[in-house]
Amino acid sequence: ELEGDGTATERAAAIAREFDAFADASVAETEEGISVTAETAREHGTDLLVALRDADVTVTGFNIRAPTLDDVF
């Protein structure tokens, strides 16, 4: 979840797409911010938070979850 307008969401999505640790990532913009799906999310999720902070993107919520069956199929 992000604070700000659509510009913050667009910036956050661009940062996530360019993030080296998430080479396999799928990034989607949502009403609340962005959703990132990547095999290395558990390992590098906090690194993405730091990258967003360094880019002056205010993160108001963050969650790492295992994929559901709907996500997989």
Protein backbone atom coordinates (compact mmCIF):
# COMPACT_ATOMS: atom_id res chain seq x y z
CA GLU A 1 0.00 0.00 0.00
CA LEU A 2 1.27 3.43 -0.92
CA GLU A 3 0.57 6.97 0.17
CA GLY A 4 -0.04 9.47 -2.59
CA ASP A 5 -1.69 9.64 -5.96
CA GLY A 6 -1.39 7.55 -9.10
CA THR A 7 2.04 9.03 -9.74
CA ALA A 8 3.40 7.29 -6.64
CA THR A 9 1.92 4.01 -7.84
CA GLU A 10 3.47 4.42 -11.29
CA ARG A 11 6.88 5.26 -9.77
CA ALA A 12 6.71 2.30 -7.38
CA ALA A 13 5.75 -0.07 -10.19
CA ALA A 14 8.65 1.16 -12.33
CA ILE A 15 11.09 0.67 -9.44
CA ALA A 16 9.80 -2.87 -8.82
CA ARG A 17 10.04 -3.76 -12.52
CA GLU A 18 13.65 -2.53 -12.68
CA PHE A 19 14.66 -4.14 -9.37
CA ASP A 20 17.52 -6.57 -10.10
CA ALA A 21 16.54 -9.13 -7.45
CA PHE A 22 13.10 -9.54 -9.07
CA ALA A 23 14.16 -10.57 -12.58
CA ASP A 24 11.20 -12.98 -12.76
CA ALA A 25 8.73 -10.52 -11.24
CA SER A 26 5.21 -9.76 -12.31
CA VAL A 27 4.21 -6.24 -11.22
CA ALA A 28 0.62 -4.99 -11.19
CA GLU A 29 -0.78 -1.63 -10.17
CA THR A 30 -3.72 -1.88 -7.74
CA GLU A 31 -6.09 0.61 -6.12
CA GLU A 32 -3.93 0.57 -2.98
CA GLY A 33 -0.50 0.58 -4.66
CA ILE A 34 1.34 -2.28 -6.33
CA SER A 35 1.41 -6.07 -6.20
CA VAL A 36 4.68 -7.86 -6.95
CA THR A 37 4.83 -11.58 -7.61
CA ALA A 38 8.35 -13.03 -7.61
CA GLU A 39 10.06 -16.23 -6.55
CA THR A 40 12.56 -14.19 -4.51
CA ALA A 41 9.98 -11.99 -2.75
CA ARG A 42 10.65 -13.49 0.69
CA GLU A 43 14.39 -12.97 0.31
CA HIS A 44 14.39 -9.49 -1.21
CA GLY A 45 11.08 -7.88 -0.24
CA THR A 46 12.72 -5.66 2.36
CA ASP A 47 15.32 -4.57 -0.21
CA LEU A 48 12.46 -3.34 -2.40
CA LEU A 49 11.08 -1.39 0.57
CA VAL A 50 14.46 0.34 0.97
CA ALA A 51 14.55 1.15 -2.76
CA LEU A 52 11.05 2.67 -2.55
CA ARG A 53 12.02 4.69 0.53
CA ASP A 54 15.17 5.94 -1.20
CA ALA A 55 12.96 7.09 -4.10
CA ASP A 56 10.73 9.03 -1.65
CA VAL A 57 7.77 6.67 -2.13
CA THR A 58 5.85 6.36 1.15
CA VAL A 59 4.84 2.77 1.88
CA THR A 60 1.88 2.51 4.29
CA GLY A 61 1.40 -1.26 4.14
CA PHE A 62 3.46 -4.27 3.14
CA ASN A 63 2.63 -7.98 3.01
CA ILE A 64 4.40 -11.09 1.78
CA ARG A 65 2.16 -14.07 1.18
CA ALA A 66 2.41 -17.51 -0.36
CA PRO A 67 0.63 -17.93 -3.69
CA THR A 68 -2.90 -19.31 -3.63
CA LEU A 69 -4.22 -21.98 -5.98
CA ASP A 70 -5.94 -19.20 -7.95
CA ASP A 71 -2.57 -17.50 -8.38
CA VAL A 72 -0.97 -20.71 -9.61
CA PHE A 73 -3.76 -21.82 -11.93
